[in-house]
Amino acid sequence: MLAVEWTRALLAHDSRFIAAGLLLGGVALGLAALGWPATRLGLGRSRFAVRVIGGLALGAVLLLPAAARSGAVPLLPGGLAVVAIAVSIGEELAFRGALYAALDELGGAPLAVAGTTVLWTLAHALSHPPEFLGAVAAAGLLLGLWRWACKDLVAPIIGHVIADLAL
């Protein structure tokens, strides 16, 4: 997962490869979830409306740093919206889906939440400035805690998509 994220970040340094890097990175990360039962990934169908509402709430919380920014306007060019959605979904399937499930089996929820937060933050070390990594870690922790408390991945996916589209 780290190799995919870092490769994607390196490709983004050349503007010709940003869209391709995001799209391929999202698909590659999503492949990490193959073979896992949907329920272990937090993708069951129960309480779907509540999960969507939770995702909207997570998205609102994740947008708070952007709202505090002077002249808060989206920084993402419109043409990258579809690929940003792909990478958001792929990251959630990989980190809070497959990796969380594997770490949960290995050492329980504390390891799953802490491990996904640390690896999530490391995965973003090349694509974000160092002063932003605290916010990345906080977002990863919030999404991981939701995954643990609600046994749900739908809301983290929705919240992550909202945040990536707006930031």
C-alpha atoms as a PDB file:
ATOM      1  CA  MET A   1       0.000   0.000   0.000  1.00  0.00           C
ATOM      2  CA  LEU A   2       2.820   2.371   0.834  1.00  0.00           C
ATOM      3  CA  ALA A   3       4.549   1.600  -2.451  1.00  0.00           C
ATOM      4  CA  VAL A   4       1.370   2.368  -4.406  1.00  0.00           C
ATOM      5  CA  GLU A   5       0.799   5.640  -2.539  1.00  0.00           C
ATOM      6  CA  TRP A   6       4.409   6.760  -2.904  1.00  0.00           C
ATOM      7  CA  THR A   7       4.476   5.854  -6.604  1.00  0.00           C
ATOM      8  CA  ARG A   8       1.278   7.834  -7.086  1.00  0.00           C
ATOM      9  CA  ALA A   9       2.814  10.811  -5.252  1.00  0.00           C
ATOM     10  CA  LEU A  10       5.972  10.666  -7.369  1.00  0.00           C
ATOM     11  CA  LEU A  11       3.914  10.555 -10.572  1.00  0.00           C
ATOM     12  CA  ALA A  12       2.010  13.626  -9.425  1.00  0.00           C
ATOM     13  CA  HIS A  13       5.215  15.683  -9.516  1.00  0.00           C
ATOM     14  CA  ASP A  14       4.864  15.678 -13.303  1.00  0.00           C
ATOM     15  CA  SER A  15       1.554  17.328 -14.227  1.00  0.00           C
ATOM     16  CA  ARG A  16       1.212  15.054 -17.264  1.00  0.00           C
ATOM     17  CA  PHE A  17       0.772  12.038 -14.973  1.00  0.00           C
ATOM     18  CA  ILE A  18      -1.435  13.386 -12.179  1.00  0.00           C
ATOM     19  CA  ALA A  19      -4.737  11.994 -13.482  1.00  0.00           C
ATOM     20  CA  ALA A  20      -3.262   8.652 -14.538  1.00  0.00           C
ATOM     21  CA  GLY A  21      -1.398   8.296 -11.239  1.00  0.00           C
ATOM     22  CA  LEU A  22      -4.529   8.999  -9.204  1.00  0.00           C
ATOM     23  CA  LEU A  23      -6.708   6.660 -11.239  1.00  0.00           C
ATOM     24  CA  LEU A  24      -4.218   3.778 -11.346  1.00  0.00           C
ATOM     25  CA  GLY A  25      -3.333   4.305  -7.692  1.00  0.00           C
ATOM     26  CA  GLY A  26      -6.994   4.185  -6.689  1.00  0.00           C
ATOM     27  CA  VAL A  27      -7.596   0.997  -8.642  1.00  0.00           C
ATOM     28  CA  ALA A  28      -4.415  -0.638  -7.299  1.00  0.00           C
ATOM     29  CA  LEU A  29      -5.334   0.240  -3.715  1.00  0.00           C
ATOM     30  CA  GLY A  30      -8.865  -1.044  -4.221  1.00  0.00           C
ATOM     31  CA  LEU A  31      -7.456  -4.399  -5.302  1.00  0.00           C
ATOM     32  CA  ALA A  32      -6.188  -4.871  -1.732  1.00  0.00           C
ATOM     33  CA  ALA A  33      -9.795  -5.552  -0.726  1.00  0.00           C
ATOM     34  CA  LEU A  34     -10.201  -8.477  -3.133  1.00  0.00           C
ATOM     35  CA  GLY A  35     -10.907 -11.733  -1.372  1.00  0.00           C
ATOM     36  CA  TRP A  36     -12.169 -10.137   1.847  1.00  0.00           C
ATOM     37  CA  PRO A  37     -15.841 -10.705   2.697  1.00  0.00           C
ATOM     38  CA  ALA A  38     -17.855  -7.480   2.496  1.00  0.00           C
ATOM     39  CA  THR A  39     -18.815  -7.708   6.160  1.00  0.00           C
ATOM     40  CA  ARG A  40     -15.142  -7.918   7.248  1.00  0.00           C
ATOM     41  CA  LEU A  41     -14.462  -4.795   5.199  1.00  0.00           C
ATOM     42  CA  GLY A  42     -17.348  -2.939   6.852  1.00  0.00           C
ATOM     43  CA  LEU A  43     -19.404  -2.946   3.661  1.00  0.00           C
ATOM     44  CA  GLY A  44     -22.548  -4.742   4.808  1.00  0.00           C
ATOM     45  CA  ARG A  45     -25.937  -3.478   3.644  1.00  0.00           C
ATOM     46  CA  SER A  46     -27.621  -2.950   7.005  1.00  0.00           C
ATOM     47  CA  ARG A  47     -28.468   0.578   8.169  1.00  0.00           C
ATOM     48  CA  PHE A  48     -27.373   2.024   4.826  1.00  0.00           C
ATOM     49  CA  ALA A  49     -29.188   5.367   5.290  1.00  0.00           C
ATOM     50  CA  VAL A  50     -27.508   5.851   8.678  1.00  0.00           C
ATOM     51  CA  ARG A  51     -24.144   5.056   7.107  1.00  0.00           C
ATOM     52  CA  VAL A  52     -24.686   7.676   4.397  1.00  0.00           C
ATOM     53  CA  ILE A  53     -25.660  10.289   6.992  1.00  0.00           C
ATOM     54  CA  GLY A  54     -22.559   9.324   8.991  1.00  0.00           C
ATOM     55  CA  GLY A  55     -20.449   9.794   5.865  1.00  0.00           C
ATOM     56  CA  LEU A  56     -21.864  13.279   5.332  1.00  0.00           C
ATOM     57  CA  ALA A  57     -21.082  14.107   8.966  1.00  0.00           C
ATOM     58  CA  LEU A  58     -17.522  12.765   8.620  1.00  0.00           C
ATOM     59  CA  GLY A  59     -17.101  14.809   5.446  1.00  0.00           C
ATOM     60  CA  ALA A  60     -18.217  17.953   7.278  1.00  0.00           C
ATOM     61  CA  VAL A  61     -15.724  17.326  10.088  1.00  0.00           C
ATOM     62  CA  LEU A  62     -12.906  16.627   7.639  1.00  0.00           C
ATOM     63  CA  LEU A  63     -13.649  19.938   5.898  1.00  0.00           C
ATOM     64  CA  LEU A  64     -13.258  22.028   9.065  1.00  0.00           C
ATOM     65  CA  PRO A  65      -9.551  22.808   8.400  1.00  0.00           C
ATOM     66  CA  ALA A  66     -10.419  24.018   4.898  1.00  0.00           C
ATOM     67  CA  ALA A  67     -13.254  26.165   6.242  1.00  0.00           C
ATOM     68  CA  ALA A  68     -10.783  27.898   8.558  1.00  0.00           C
ATOM     69  CA  ARG A  69      -8.499  28.685   5.618  1.00  0.00           C
ATOM     70  CA  SER A  70      -8.663  32.230   4.303  1.00  0.00           C
ATOM     71  CA  GLY A  71     -10.700  32.351   1.097  1.00  0.00           C
ATOM     72  CA  ALA A  72     -11.701  28.703   1.491  1.00  0.00           C
ATOM     73  CA  VAL A  73     -12.291  27.492  -2.047  1.00  0.00           C
ATOM     74  CA  PRO A  74     -11.647  24.023  -3.460  1.00  0.00           C
ATOM     75  CA  LEU A  75      -8.077  23.555  -4.653  1.00  0.00           C
ATOM     76  CA  LEU A  76      -8.823  20.491  -6.787  1.00  0.00           C
ATOM     77  CA  PRO A  77      -9.185  21.268 -10.500  1.00  0.00           C
ATOM     78  CA  GLY A  78     -12.593  20.102 -11.763  1.00  0.00           C
ATOM     79  CA  GLY A  79     -11.089  17.714 -14.297  1.00  0.00           C
ATOM     80  CA  LEU A  80      -9.548  15.648 -11.509  1.00  0.00           C
ATOM     81  CA  ALA A  81     -12.825  15.011  -9.656  1.00  0.00           C
ATOM     82  CA  VAL A  82     -13.432  11.518 -11.063  1.00  0.00           C
ATOM     83  CA  VAL A  83      -9.901  10.333 -10.376  1.00  0.00           C
ATOM     84  CA  ALA A  84      -9.984  11.889  -6.891  1.00  0.00           C
ATOM     85  CA  ILE A  85     -13.091   9.827  -6.192  1.00  0.00           C
ATOM     86  CA  ALA A  86     -11.303   6.703  -7.439  1.00  0.00           C
ATOM     87  CA  VAL A  87      -8.306   7.245  -5.186  1.00  0.00           C
ATOM     88  CA  SER A  88     -10.494   8.102  -2.166  1.00  0.00           C
ATOM     89  CA  ILE A  89     -12.448   4.873  -2.554  1.00  0.00           C
ATOM     90  CA  GLY A  90      -9.271   2.872  -3.202  1.00  0.00           C
ATOM     91  CA  GLU A  91      -7.535   4.286  -0.134  1.00  0.00           C
ATOM     92  CA  GLU A  92     -10.491   3.473   2.099  1.00  0.00           C
ATOM     93  CA  LEU A  93     -10.825  -0.070   0.742  1.00  0.00           C
ATOM     94  CA  ALA A  94      -7.102  -0.603   1.285  1.00  0.00           C
ATOM     95  CA  PHE A  95      -6.494   1.142   4.621  1.00  0.00           C
ATOM     96  CA  ARG A  96      -9.762   1.070   6.583  1.00  0.00           C
ATOM     97  CA  GLY A  97     -10.977  -2.018   4.708  1.00  0.00           C
ATOM     98  CA  ALA A  98      -8.393  -4.730   4.071  1.00  0.00           C
ATOM     99  CA  LEU A  99      -5.532  -3.450   6.267  1.00  0.00           C
ATOM    100  CA  TYR A 100      -7.896  -2.731   9.166  1.00  0.00           C
ATOM    101  CA  ALA A 101      -9.417  -6.225   8.889  1.00  0.00           C
ATOM    102  CA  ALA A 102      -5.976  -7.869   8.777  1.00  0.00           C
ATOM    103  CA  LEU A 103      -4.642  -5.906  11.753  1.00  0.00           C
ATOM    104  CA  ASP A 104      -7.874  -6.510  13.677  1.00  0.00           C
ATOM    105  CA  GLU A 105      -7.434 -10.273  13.211  1.00  0.00           C
ATOM    106  CA  LEU A 106      -3.786  -9.998  14.234  1.00  0.00           C
ATOM    107  CA  GLY A 107      -4.098  -7.851  17.358  1.00  0.00           C
ATOM    108  CA  GLY A 108      -7.594  -6.468  17.781  1.00  0.00           C
ATOM    109  CA  ALA A 109      -9.114  -3.053  17.326  1.00  0.00           C
ATOM    110  CA  PRO A 110      -6.368  -0.996  19.036  1.00  0.00           C
ATOM    111  CA  LEU A 111      -3.750  -2.359  16.633  1.00  0.00           C
ATOM    112  CA  ALA A 112      -6.111  -1.912  13.676  1.00  0.00           C
ATOM    113  CA  VAL A 113      -6.892   1.725  14.484  1.00  0.00           C
ATOM    114  CA  ALA A 114      -3.302   2.659  15.390  1.00  0.00           C
ATOM    115  CA  GLY A 115      -1.727   0.691  12.548  1.00  0.00           C
ATOM    116  CA  THR A 116      -3.987   2.086   9.850  1.00  0.00           C
ATOM    117  CA  THR A 117      -3.484   5.615  11.177  1.00  0.00           C
ATOM    118  CA  VAL A 118       0.314   5.342  11.170  1.00  0.00           C
ATOM    119  CA  LEU A 119       0.523   3.683   7.751  1.00  0.00           C
ATOM    120  CA  TRP A 120      -2.056   6.126   6.327  1.00  0.00           C
ATOM    121  CA  THR A 121       0.069   9.033   7.518  1.00  0.00           C
ATOM    122  CA  LEU A 122       3.268   7.507   6.135  1.00  0.00           C
ATOM    123  CA  ALA A 123       1.512   6.886   2.822  1.00  0.00           C
ATOM    124  CA  HIS A 124       0.838  10.610   2.538  1.00  0.00           C
ATOM    125  CA  ALA A 125       4.354  11.721   3.522  1.00  0.00           C
ATOM    126  CA  LEU A 126       5.443  12.276  -0.084  1.00  0.00           C
ATOM    127  CA  SER A 127       2.237  13.901  -1.314  1.00  0.00           C
ATOM    128  CA  HIS A 128       1.663  16.382   1.531  1.00  0.00           C
ATOM    129  CA  PRO A 129       3.878  19.008   3.136  1.00  0.00           C
ATOM    130  CA  PRO A 130       5.274  17.976   6.544  1.00  0.00           C
ATOM    131  CA  GLU A 131       3.208  20.603   8.378  1.00  0.00           C
ATOM    132  CA  PHE A 132       0.019  19.016   6.991  1.00  0.00           C
ATOM    133  CA  LEU A 133       0.809  15.473   8.177  1.00  0.00           C
ATOM    134  CA  GLY A 134      -0.715  16.132  11.605  1.00  0.00           C
ATOM    135  CA  ALA A 135      -4.046  16.843   9.910  1.00  0.00           C
ATOM    136  CA  VAL A 136      -3.612  13.713   7.777  1.00  0.00           C
ATOM    137  CA  ALA A 137      -3.001  11.653  10.928  1.00  0.00           C
ATOM    138  CA  ALA A 138      -6.027  13.198  12.652  1.00  0.00           C
ATOM    139  CA  ALA A 139      -8.216  12.400   9.635  1.00  0.00           C
ATOM    140  CA  GLY A 140      -6.891   8.828   9.555  1.00  0.00           C
ATOM    141  CA  LEU A 141      -7.549   8.419  13.263  1.00  0.00           C
ATOM    142  CA  LEU A 142     -11.096   9.770  12.920  1.00  0.00           C
ATOM    143  CA  LEU A 143     -11.847   7.445  10.006  1.00  0.00           C
ATOM    144  CA  GLY A 144     -10.265   4.486  11.821  1.00  0.00           C
ATOM    145  CA  LEU A 145     -12.235   5.148  15.000  1.00  0.00           C
ATOM    146  CA  TRP A 146     -15.460   5.341  12.993  1.00  0.00           C
ATOM    147  CA  ARG A 147     -14.546   2.037  11.314  1.00  0.00           C
ATOM    148  CA  TRP A 148     -14.037   0.456  14.747  1.00  0.00           C
ATOM    149  CA  ALA A 149     -17.011   1.965  16.573  1.00  0.00           C
ATOM    150  CA  CYS A 150     -19.575   1.463  13.804  1.00  0.00           C
ATOM    151  CA  LYS A 151     -18.047  -1.573  12.034  1.00  0.00           C
ATOM    152  CA  ASP A 152     -18.616   0.512   8.905  1.00  0.00           C
ATOM    153  CA  LEU A 153     -16.607   1.509   5.841  1.00  0.00           C
ATOM    154  CA  VAL A 154     -19.396   3.235   3.895  1.00  0.00           C
ATOM    155  CA  ALA A 155     -19.263   6.445   5.973  1.00  0.00           C
ATOM    156  CA  PRO A 156     -15.443   6.730   5.808  1.00  0.00           C
ATOM    157  CA  ILE A 157     -15.611   6.324   2.027  1.00  0.00           C
ATOM    158  CA  ILE A 158     -18.230   9.062   1.706  1.00  0.00           C
ATOM    159  CA  GLY A 159     -16.414  11.381   4.126  1.00  0.00           C
ATOM    160  CA  HIS A 160     -13.090  10.839   2.357  1.00  0.00           C
ATOM    161  CA  VAL A 161     -14.606  11.499  -1.074  1.00  0.00           C
ATOM    162  CA  ILE A 162     -16.195  14.735   0.170  1.00  0.00           C
ATOM    163  CA  ALA A 163     -12.935  15.889   1.737  1.00  0.00           C
ATOM    164  CA  ASP A 164     -10.821  15.077  -1.326  1.00  0.00           C
ATOM    165  CA  LEU A 165     -13.247  16.815  -3.674  1.00  0.00           C
ATOM    166  CA  ALA A 166     -13.233  19.968  -1.555  1.00  0.00           C
ATOM    167  CA  LEU A 167      -9.573  20.113  -0.606  1.00  0.00           C
END
